[in-house]
Amino acid sequence: MAHIRLVEPHEATGSLKAQYDAAIGRAGRVWNIVKTMSPNPPLLDASMRHYGVAMHGASPLTRVQRELLAVVVSRVNGCFY
């Protein structure tokens, strides 16, 4: 089984620490989906920019509709995070 060493918040430095601090500011914690990208901070940065545009950018869908779609797709895909 593959293993990814997750960087814990107290170990983070540089841009990873900035992303973790932002996550704590948003949610009060760093979720594992964010920690999974911790070995590659540029990937995490790009992923968070993508999420920001998808959820907060201009769209014919409301924020509530986008959140509902995310929940439904996660459920259909068996994602429980």
N, C-alpha and C. Protein backbone atom coordinates (compact mmCIF):
# COMPACT_ATOMS: atom_id res chain seq x y z
N MET A 1 0.84 -1.17 0.00
CA MET A 1 0.00 0.00 0.00
C MET A 1 0.89 1.24 0.00
N ALA A 2 0.54 2.20 -0.82
CA ALA A 2 1.31 3.45 -0.91
C ALA A 2 1.13 4.26 0.37
N HIS A 3 2.15 5.03 0.69
CA HIS A 3 2.11 5.88 1.86
C HIS A 3 2.60 7.28 1.49
N ILE A 4 1.85 8.28 1.87
CA ILE A 4 2.25 9.67 1.67
C ILE A 4 2.51 10.25 3.05
N ARG A 5 3.73 10.76 3.24
CA ARG A 5 4.04 11.39 4.52
C ARG A 5 3.42 12.77 4.53
N LEU A 6 2.42 12.96 5.37
CA LEU A 6 1.73 14.23 5.47
C LEU A 6 2.51 15.17 6.38
N VAL A 7 2.65 16.40 5.96
CA VAL A 7 3.31 17.42 6.78
C VAL A 7 2.27 17.98 7.74
N GLU A 8 2.54 17.89 9.03
CA GLU A 8 1.63 18.40 10.04
C GLU A 8 1.79 19.91 10.16
N PRO A 9 0.76 20.61 10.62
CA PRO A 9 0.82 22.07 10.71
C PRO A 9 2.04 22.61 11.47
N HIS A 10 2.43 21.96 12.54
CA HIS A 10 3.57 22.46 13.32
C HIS A 10 4.91 22.27 12.59
N GLU A 11 4.92 21.46 11.52
CA GLU A 11 6.14 21.22 10.73
C GLU A 11 6.22 22.11 9.49
N ALA A 12 5.14 22.74 9.12
CA ALA A 12 5.07 23.48 7.86
C ALA A 12 5.90 24.75 7.88
N THR A 13 6.50 25.04 6.72
CA THR A 13 7.27 26.27 6.55
C THR A 13 6.92 26.87 5.20
N GLY A 14 7.30 28.12 4.99
CA GLY A 14 7.16 28.77 3.69
C GLY A 14 5.72 28.83 3.20
N SER A 15 5.55 28.56 1.89
CA SER A 15 4.22 28.65 1.30
C SER A 15 3.26 27.61 1.87
N LEU A 16 3.79 26.46 2.30
CA LEU A 16 2.93 25.45 2.91
C LEU A 16 2.36 25.98 4.22
N LYS A 17 3.18 26.63 5.02
CA LYS A 17 2.70 27.22 6.27
C LYS A 17 1.63 28.27 5.98
N ALA A 18 1.83 29.08 4.94
CA ALA A 18 0.83 30.08 4.57
C ALA A 18 -0.50 29.42 4.20
N GLN A 19 -0.43 28.32 3.44
CA GLN A 19 -1.66 27.60 3.07
C GLN A 19 -2.32 26.99 4.30
N TYR A 20 -1.52 26.41 5.18
CA TYR A 20 -2.08 25.83 6.40
C TYR A 20 -2.71 26.90 7.28
N ASP A 21 -2.04 28.04 7.42
CA ASP A 21 -2.61 29.14 8.21
C ASP A 21 -3.94 29.61 7.62
N ALA A 22 -4.01 29.69 6.29
CA ALA A 22 -5.26 30.08 5.62
C ALA A 22 -6.34 29.03 5.88
N ALA A 23 -5.98 27.75 5.83
CA ALA A 23 -6.94 26.68 6.08
C ALA A 23 -7.49 26.77 7.50
N ILE A 24 -6.61 27.01 8.45
CA ILE A 24 -7.04 27.15 9.85
C ILE A 24 -7.96 28.37 10.00
N GLY A 25 -7.64 29.44 9.29
CA GLY A 25 -8.50 30.62 9.31
C GLY A 25 -9.88 30.36 8.74
N ARG A 26 -9.96 29.52 7.70
CA ARG A 26 -11.25 29.20 7.07
C ARG A 26 -12.05 28.20 7.87
N ALA A 27 -11.39 27.14 8.32
CA ALA A 27 -12.11 25.99 8.87
C ALA A 27 -11.74 25.65 10.31
N GLY A 28 -10.76 26.34 10.86
CA GLY A 28 -10.35 26.03 12.22
C GLY A 28 -9.41 24.84 12.32
N ARG A 29 -9.07 24.28 11.18
CA ARG A 29 -8.17 23.11 11.14
C ARG A 29 -7.66 22.91 9.71
N VAL A 30 -6.70 22.00 9.56
CA VAL A 30 -6.21 21.63 8.23
C VAL A 30 -6.75 20.24 7.93
N TRP A 31 -7.65 20.16 6.96
CA TRP A 31 -8.26 18.89 6.59
C TRP A 31 -7.24 17.99 5.89
N ASN A 32 -7.43 16.68 5.98
CA ASN A 32 -6.49 15.73 5.38
C ASN A 32 -6.36 15.89 3.87
N ILE A 33 -7.43 16.31 3.19
CA ILE A 33 -7.33 16.50 1.74
C ILE A 33 -6.28 17.56 1.42
N VAL A 34 -6.14 18.56 2.29
CA VAL A 34 -5.11 19.58 2.12
C VAL A 34 -3.74 19.00 2.49
N LYS A 35 -3.67 18.27 3.59
CA LYS A 35 -2.41 17.67 4.01
C LYS A 35 -1.87 16.69 2.98
N THR A 36 -2.75 16.05 2.23
CA THR A 36 -2.32 15.08 1.22
C THR A 36 -1.44 15.74 0.16
N MET A 37 -1.66 17.02 -0.08
CA MET A 37 -0.85 17.73 -1.08
C MET A 37 0.37 18.40 -0.46
N SER A 38 0.58 18.23 0.85
CA SER A 38 1.66 18.92 1.55
C SER A 38 3.07 18.61 1.05
N PRO A 39 3.35 17.42 0.51
CA PRO A 39 4.70 17.19 -0.01
C PRO A 39 5.01 18.02 -1.26
N ASN A 40 3.99 18.61 -1.87
CA ASN A 40 4.17 19.38 -3.10
C ASN A 40 3.43 20.72 -2.97
N PRO A 41 4.00 21.69 -2.23
CA PRO A 41 3.31 22.96 -2.01
C PRO A 41 2.87 23.68 -3.28
N PRO A 42 3.63 23.66 -4.41
CA PRO A 42 3.11 24.31 -5.62
C PRO A 42 1.81 23.67 -6.11
N LEU A 43 1.67 22.36 -5.96
CA LEU A 43 0.42 21.69 -6.32
C LEU A 43 -0.71 22.16 -5.41
N LEU A 44 -0.45 22.25 -4.12
CA LEU A 44 -1.46 22.74 -3.18
C LEU A 44 -1.87 24.16 -3.53
N ASP A 45 -0.90 25.03 -3.83
CA ASP A 45 -1.21 26.40 -4.22
C ASP A 45 -2.14 26.42 -5.44
N ALA A 46 -1.80 25.64 -6.47
CA ALA A 46 -2.60 25.59 -7.69
C ALA A 46 -4.00 25.04 -7.41
N SER A 47 -4.07 24.02 -6.58
CA SER A 47 -5.36 23.41 -6.24
C SER A 47 -6.26 24.41 -5.51
N MET A 48 -5.68 25.17 -4.60
CA MET A 48 -6.48 26.14 -3.85
C MET A 48 -6.92 27.30 -4.75
N ARG A 49 -6.09 27.70 -5.72
CA ARG A 49 -6.51 28.72 -6.68
C ARG A 49 -7.67 28.19 -7.53
N HIS A 50 -7.56 26.94 -7.98
CA HIS A 50 -8.62 26.31 -8.77
C HIS A 50 -9.92 26.27 -7.96
N TYR A 51 -9.83 25.84 -6.72
CA TYR A 51 -11.02 25.79 -5.85
C TYR A 51 -11.62 27.19 -5.70
N GLY A 52 -10.77 28.20 -5.50
CA GLY A 52 -11.27 29.56 -5.32
C GLY A 52 -12.05 30.05 -6.53
N VAL A 53 -11.53 29.78 -7.72
CA VAL A 53 -12.23 30.19 -8.94
C VAL A 53 -13.52 29.40 -9.11
N ALA A 54 -13.46 28.10 -8.87
CA ALA A 54 -14.64 27.25 -9.05
C ALA A 54 -15.77 27.61 -8.07
N MET A 55 -15.41 27.94 -6.84
CA MET A 55 -16.43 28.18 -5.83
C MET A 55 -16.79 29.66 -5.64
N HIS A 56 -15.87 30.55 -5.97
CA HIS A 56 -16.11 31.97 -5.70
C HIS A 56 -16.06 32.85 -6.95
N GLY A 57 -15.62 32.31 -8.08
CA GLY A 57 -15.52 33.10 -9.30
C GLY A 57 -16.87 33.34 -9.95
N ALA A 58 -16.85 34.15 -10.99
CA ALA A 58 -18.07 34.45 -11.74
C ALA A 58 -18.66 33.16 -12.30
N SER A 59 -19.97 33.01 -12.16
CA SER A 59 -20.63 31.79 -12.61
C SER A 59 -22.13 32.03 -12.70
N PRO A 60 -22.81 31.33 -13.62
CA PRO A 60 -24.28 31.42 -13.64
C PRO A 60 -24.89 30.67 -12.45
N LEU A 61 -24.09 29.87 -11.75
CA LEU A 61 -24.59 29.14 -10.58
C LEU A 61 -24.36 29.95 -9.31
N THR A 62 -25.28 29.83 -8.37
CA THR A 62 -25.09 30.48 -7.08
C THR A 62 -24.07 29.69 -6.26
N ARG A 63 -23.59 30.30 -5.20
CA ARG A 63 -22.64 29.61 -4.31
C ARG A 63 -23.31 28.37 -3.72
N VAL A 64 -24.56 28.48 -3.33
CA VAL A 64 -25.29 27.34 -2.76
C VAL A 64 -25.38 26.20 -3.78
N GLN A 65 -25.68 26.52 -5.03
CA GLN A 65 -25.76 25.48 -6.06
C GLN A 65 -24.39 24.80 -6.25
N ARG A 66 -23.32 25.58 -6.24
CA ARG A 66 -21.99 24.99 -6.40
C ARG A 66 -21.64 24.08 -5.23
N GLU A 67 -21.96 24.51 -4.02
CA GLU A 67 -21.70 23.67 -2.84
C GLU A 67 -22.52 22.39 -2.92
N LEU A 68 -23.78 22.50 -3.32
CA LEU A 68 -24.63 21.31 -3.44
C LEU A 68 -24.07 20.35 -4.48
N LEU A 69 -23.62 20.87 -5.61
CA LEU A 69 -23.01 20.00 -6.62
C LEU A 69 -21.78 19.30 -6.07
N ALA A 70 -20.96 20.02 -5.32
CA ALA A 70 -19.76 19.42 -4.74
C ALA A 70 -20.12 18.29 -3.78
N VAL A 71 -21.15 18.49 -2.98
CA VAL A 71 -21.58 17.46 -2.03
C VAL A 71 -22.10 16.23 -2.77
N VAL A 72 -22.93 16.45 -3.78
CA VAL A 72 -23.50 15.33 -4.53
C VAL A 72 -22.41 14.54 -5.24
N VAL A 73 -21.49 15.23 -5.91
CA VAL A 73 -20.42 14.55 -6.63
C VAL A 73 -19.53 13.76 -5.64
N SER A 74 -19.22 14.36 -4.49
CA SER A 74 -18.42 13.66 -3.49
C SER A 74 -19.14 12.41 -3.01
N ARG A 75 -20.42 12.52 -2.77
CA ARG A 75 -21.20 11.37 -2.30
C ARG A 75 -21.23 10.26 -3.35
N VAL A 76 -21.50 10.63 -4.59
CA VAL A 76 -21.54 9.64 -5.68
C VAL A 76 -20.19 8.95 -5.82
N ASN A 77 -19.11 9.69 -5.63
CA ASN A 77 -17.76 9.14 -5.75
C ASN A 77 -17.28 8.43 -4.48
N GLY A 78 -18.10 8.40 -3.46
CA GLY A 78 -17.72 7.71 -2.22
C GLY A 78 -16.70 8.46 -1.39
N CYS A 79 -16.62 9.79 -1.56
CA CYS A 79 -15.69 10.61 -0.78
C CYS A 79 -16.37 11.06 0.51
N PHE A 80 -15.74 10.78 1.64
CA PHE A 80 -16.36 11.09 2.92
C PHE A 80 -15.60 12.14 3.70
N TYR A 81 -14.74 12.92 3.05
CA TYR A 81 -13.97 13.92 3.76
C TYR A 81 -14.71 15.22 3.90
